[in-house]
Amino acid sequence: MLTQYEHHAAIRQNKDCPYLLRIGKNIRDTVCNWHQNIEMFLITNGQGQIRCGANEYPLSPSDVVVVNSGTVHRIYSETGIDYYCVIIDEQFCKENGLDTEHCRFSERFCDPRTEALFLRMIALMTKNERESSQLETAKLRIAILTLL
């Protein structure tokens, strides 16, 4: 299987908002890829699997998955799966005391608190896109760090 490096050049265009938000709808297969930034998924609908390095996990609604820095990963589903995906800039993490290149996060969470923190972060990202201000940006950055 072909594996590709995924570049996230756009992530550093706005230093105040060091993330990329992607929404996946009815996804059946993603490209097997890797990158230095950590990536987080919240499954919102459907069933599937994610392969993170040598580990494979089942995916269901409310699951949160963290793809650590440098980990080859791929999501796939027979029926289609929906998710929020957030890629967080490694430099932002490092500036806040989290060296994601050497720190390893647990890869899968199935608890309401983590899901609630993820949904709060998504809500703040969406709000910040509509009405950006220093206060809203600060709230968003705090939400990202709280989730991490």
Foldseek 3Di string as FASTA:
>chain_A
DDEEEDDDVVQPPPVLRRKDKDKFWQAAKDHFYAAQWKKKKAWAADWWWKDWAPDIDIDHHGKMFIRAHGTTMMIHDPGGTIIMMMTGDQVLCVVVPHNRVPDDDDTMDRDPVLSVLVVVLVVLVVVCVVPNDPVSSVVNSVSVVVSD
